[in-house]
């Protein structure tokens, strides 16, 4: 198996982020974004996707949580894009639904190189600790755009914590499925010859 790994750093006036991602990992993570719930979601994302993830973010949390959550999505997407390289041998498509108590989330992904994002559903509460619930949608869009994903997501439930956690788990499982290498394929999974 090839070493599908990337390290990405990004610094702006709003955030400074360092990220190390191994796609074919063991689900180990070490994350510090300054937002406890986001750390919890990224740990869950790594564990359920079997990605090894190290990520730190020093963001302008004195303003709010928007820049940190958006920029972490951007950098994680860039890391996936770099680690996947030419995408040769991947399965490319995946569809996952994940329940969490009364909530459920679904993610359909195409690792197409053509960013597109659609989201259906609303979060039941505005905040989860220091995390603004609607920014889970923004995180997924930022990740998908910078990883080159066609990404369709949906959530439903009565508890925002459960809804967001199901979304992160569904995203992890779908990305694990879609980026997994298919032993029957050595070329890029496209009639165009490239993604």
Protein backbone atom coordinates (compact mmCIF):
# COMPACT_ATOMS: atom_id res chain seq x y z
CA UNK A 1 0.00 0.00 0.00
CA UNK A 2 1.27 3.45 -0.85
CA UNK A 3 1.89 5.97 1.91
CA UNK A 4 -1.12 8.25 1.60
CA UNK A 5 -0.04 10.99 3.97
CA UNK A 6 0.02 14.79 3.91
CA UNK A 7 1.11 17.61 6.17
CA UNK A 8 -0.49 21.00 5.60
CA UNK A 9 0.07 24.30 7.37
CA UNK A 10 -1.97 27.43 6.79
CA UNK A 11 -1.65 30.81 8.49
CA UNK A 12 -3.92 33.82 8.05
CA UNK A 13 -4.75 36.85 10.18
CA UNK A 14 -7.55 34.72 11.70
CA UNK A 15 -6.04 31.26 12.25
CA UNK A 16 -2.77 29.32 12.29
CA UNK A 17 -3.26 25.61 11.59
CA UNK A 18 -0.91 22.63 11.36
CA UNK A 19 -2.36 19.33 10.16
CA UNK A 20 -0.88 15.88 9.59
CA UNK A 21 -3.17 13.26 8.02
CA UNK A 22 -2.61 9.60 7.17
CA UNK A 23 -5.52 8.10 5.25
CA UNK A 24 -4.60 4.46 5.90
CA UNK A 25 -4.22 4.81 9.64
CA UNK A 26 -5.44 3.28 12.87
CA UNK A 27 -7.88 6.01 13.94
CA UNK A 28 -5.39 7.73 16.23
CA UNK A 29 -5.78 11.46 16.79
CA UNK A 30 -4.27 14.36 18.66
CA UNK A 31 -6.36 17.48 18.17
CA UNK A 32 -6.40 20.92 19.78
CA UNK A 33 -8.53 23.64 18.19
CA UNK A 34 -9.51 25.58 21.30
CA UNK A 35 -13.14 24.42 20.84
CA UNK A 36 -13.87 21.35 22.95
CA UNK A 37 -16.77 20.05 20.89
CA UNK A 38 -14.86 20.46 17.61
CA UNK A 39 -11.95 18.51 19.14
CA UNK A 40 -14.43 15.78 20.11
CA UNK A 41 -15.87 15.69 16.57
CA UNK A 42 -12.43 15.52 14.91
CA UNK A 43 -11.38 12.73 17.28
CA UNK A 44 -14.56 10.86 16.35
CA UNK A 45 -13.96 11.57 12.64
CA UNK A 46 -10.44 10.11 12.84
CA UNK A 47 -11.51 7.08 14.88
CA UNK A 48 -14.47 6.10 12.69
CA UNK A 49 -12.66 6.80 9.41
CA UNK A 50 -9.49 5.02 10.59
CA UNK A 51 -7.51 8.14 9.73
CA UNK A 52 -4.50 9.20 11.79
CA UNK A 53 -4.87 12.90 12.45
CA UNK A 54 -2.76 15.47 14.25
CA UNK A 55 -4.18 18.97 14.12
CA UNK A 56 -3.66 22.18 16.05
CA UNK A 57 -5.39 25.48 15.46
CA UNK A 58 -4.71 28.83 17.10
CA UNK A 59 -7.73 30.86 16.06
CA UNK A 60 -9.37 34.19 16.88
CA UNK A 61 -11.85 32.66 19.32
CA UNK A 62 -12.18 36.06 21.02
CA UNK A 63 -14.19 36.99 17.90
CA UNK A 64 -16.21 33.76 17.59
CA UNK A 65 -15.82 30.15 16.44
CA UNK A 66 -16.54 30.70 12.74
CA UNK A 67 -13.00 31.23 11.42
CA UNK A 68 -11.59 28.30 13.38
CA UNK A 69 -14.24 25.81 12.23
CA UNK A 70 -14.16 26.98 8.60
CA UNK A 71 -10.38 27.03 8.36
CA UNK A 72 -9.98 23.61 9.99
CA UNK A 73 -12.32 22.28 7.30
CA UNK A 74 -10.24 23.99 4.60
CA UNK A 75 -6.95 22.57 5.87
CA UNK A 76 -8.33 19.06 6.41
CA UNK A 77 -9.71 19.14 2.87
CA UNK A 78 -6.33 20.25 1.51
CA UNK A 79 -4.68 17.40 3.41
CA UNK A 80 -7.05 14.84 1.89
CA UNK A 81 -6.48 16.29 -1.58
CA UNK A 82 -2.70 16.09 -1.21
CA UNK A 83 -2.68 12.65 0.41
CA UNK A 84 -4.91 11.15 -2.32
CA UNK A 85 -2.61 12.29 -5.13
CA UNK A 86 -3.94 11.15 -8.54
CA UNK A 87 -6.63 8.99 -6.84
CA UNK A 88 -5.45 5.88 -8.70
CA UNK A 89 -7.08 2.71 -7.39
CA UNK A 90 -9.67 4.29 -5.10
CA UNK A 91 -13.29 3.19 -4.94
CA UNK A 92 -14.36 6.83 -5.50
CA UNK A 93 -18.04 6.62 -4.46
CA UNK A 94 -19.68 5.96 -1.08
CA UNK A 95 -23.01 6.33 0.68
CA UNK A 96 -23.31 6.11 4.48
CA UNK A 97 -26.11 6.65 6.98
CA UNK A 98 -25.29 6.79 10.68
CA UNK A 99 -27.78 6.89 13.58
CA UNK A 100 -27.12 8.37 17.00
CA UNK A 101 -30.04 7.83 19.33
CA UNK A 102 -32.96 9.79 17.84
CA UNK A 103 -30.80 11.50 15.21
CA UNK A 104 -29.43 10.28 11.93
CA UNK A 105 -27.17 11.69 9.25
CA UNK A 106 -26.42 10.64 5.72
CA UNK A 107 -23.44 11.39 3.49
CA UNK A 108 -23.06 10.53 -0.18
CA UNK A 109 -19.63 11.31 -1.63
CA UNK A 110 -17.88 11.21 -4.98
CA UNK A 111 -14.13 11.84 -4.81
CA UNK A 112 -14.50 13.44 -8.21
CA UNK A 113 -12.18 16.43 -8.19
CA UNK A 114 -15.30 18.53 -8.87
CA UNK A 115 -16.43 20.30 -5.70
CA UNK A 116 -20.17 20.42 -5.17
CA UNK A 117 -22.04 20.64 -1.87
CA UNK A 118 -25.65 20.07 -0.89
CA UNK A 119 -27.06 19.97 2.63
CA UNK A 120 -30.57 19.09 3.78
CA UNK A 121 -31.80 19.50 7.34
CA UNK A 122 -31.60 21.86 10.27
CA UNK A 123 -29.89 21.57 13.64
CA UNK A 124 -32.25 21.46 16.61
CA UNK A 125 -30.30 23.78 18.93
CA UNK A 126 -28.18 26.81 18.05
CA UNK A 127 -25.15 25.92 20.16
CA UNK A 128 -23.33 22.91 21.57
CA UNK A 129 -21.05 24.35 24.23
CA UNK A 130 -18.78 26.81 22.39
CA UNK A 131 -19.67 25.32 18.98
CA UNK A 132 -22.24 27.03 16.75
CA UNK A 133 -24.27 24.14 15.35
CA UNK A 134 -24.82 25.52 11.84
CA UNK A 135 -21.04 25.68 11.39
CA UNK A 136 -20.99 21.87 11.12
CA UNK A 137 -22.54 22.42 7.70
CA UNK A 138 -19.90 25.03 6.90
CA UNK A 139 -17.12 22.65 8.02
CA UNK A 140 -18.38 19.92 5.69
CA UNK A 141 -18.65 22.33 2.76
CA UNK A 142 -15.12 23.69 3.36
CA UNK A 143 -13.65 20.19 3.61
CA UNK A 144 -15.46 19.03 0.47
CA UNK A 145 -14.52 22.08 -1.58
CA UNK A 146 -10.82 21.80 -0.76
CA UNK A 147 -10.68 18.01 -1.09
CA UNK A 148 -12.43 18.12 -4.48
CA UNK A 149 -15.52 16.22 -3.35
CA UNK A 150 -19.07 16.08 -4.61
CA UNK A 151 -20.74 15.90 -1.20
CA UNK A 152 -24.42 15.50 -0.31
CA UNK A 153 -25.25 15.60 3.41
CA UNK A 154 -28.45 15.43 5.43
CA UNK A 155 -29.35 15.42 9.13
CA UNK A 156 -32.48 14.98 11.21
CA UNK A 157 -33.22 14.58 14.89
CA UNK A 158 -34.13 16.44 18.07
CA UNK A 159 -30.72 17.04 19.65
CA UNK A 160 -28.00 19.08 17.93
CA UNK A 161 -25.18 17.22 19.68
CA UNK A 162 -26.46 13.93 18.25
CA UNK A 163 -27.15 15.45 14.82
CA UNK A 164 -23.67 16.93 14.44
CA UNK A 165 -21.95 13.84 15.82
CA UNK A 166 -23.86 11.58 13.43
CA UNK A 167 -22.84 13.91 10.58
CA UNK A 168 -19.13 13.73 11.44
CA UNK A 169 -19.31 9.93 11.78
CA UNK A 170 -21.17 9.55 8.48
CA UNK A 171 -18.63 11.81 6.78
CA UNK A 172 -15.78 9.73 8.22
CA UNK A 173 -17.27 6.39 7.18
CA UNK A 174 -18.14 7.64 3.68
CA UNK A 175 -14.66 9.06 3.14
CA UNK A 176 -13.08 5.85 4.42
CA UNK A 177 -15.18 3.82 1.98
CA UNK A 178 -14.63 6.13 -1.01
CA UNK A 179 -10.87 6.54 -0.53
CA UNK A 180 -10.21 2.85 0.14
CA UNK A 181 -8.04 1.15 -2.44
CA UNK A 182 -9.73 -1.47 -4.61
CA UNK A 183 -7.33 -4.35 -5.33
CA UNK A 184 -9.08 -4.90 -8.68
CA UNK A 185 -8.19 -1.42 -9.90
CA UNK A 186 -4.81 0.21 -10.58
CA UNK A 187 -5.96 3.09 -12.74
CA UNK A 188 -7.90 6.23 -11.88
CA UNK A 189 -11.64 5.42 -11.61
CA UNK A 190 -12.86 7.63 -14.43
CA UNK A 191 -13.58 7.19 -18.14
CA UNK A 192 -11.71 10.48 -18.59
CA UNK A 193 -8.53 8.88 -17.24
CA UNK A 194 -8.12 11.44 -14.48
CA UNK A 195 -10.04 13.02 -11.61
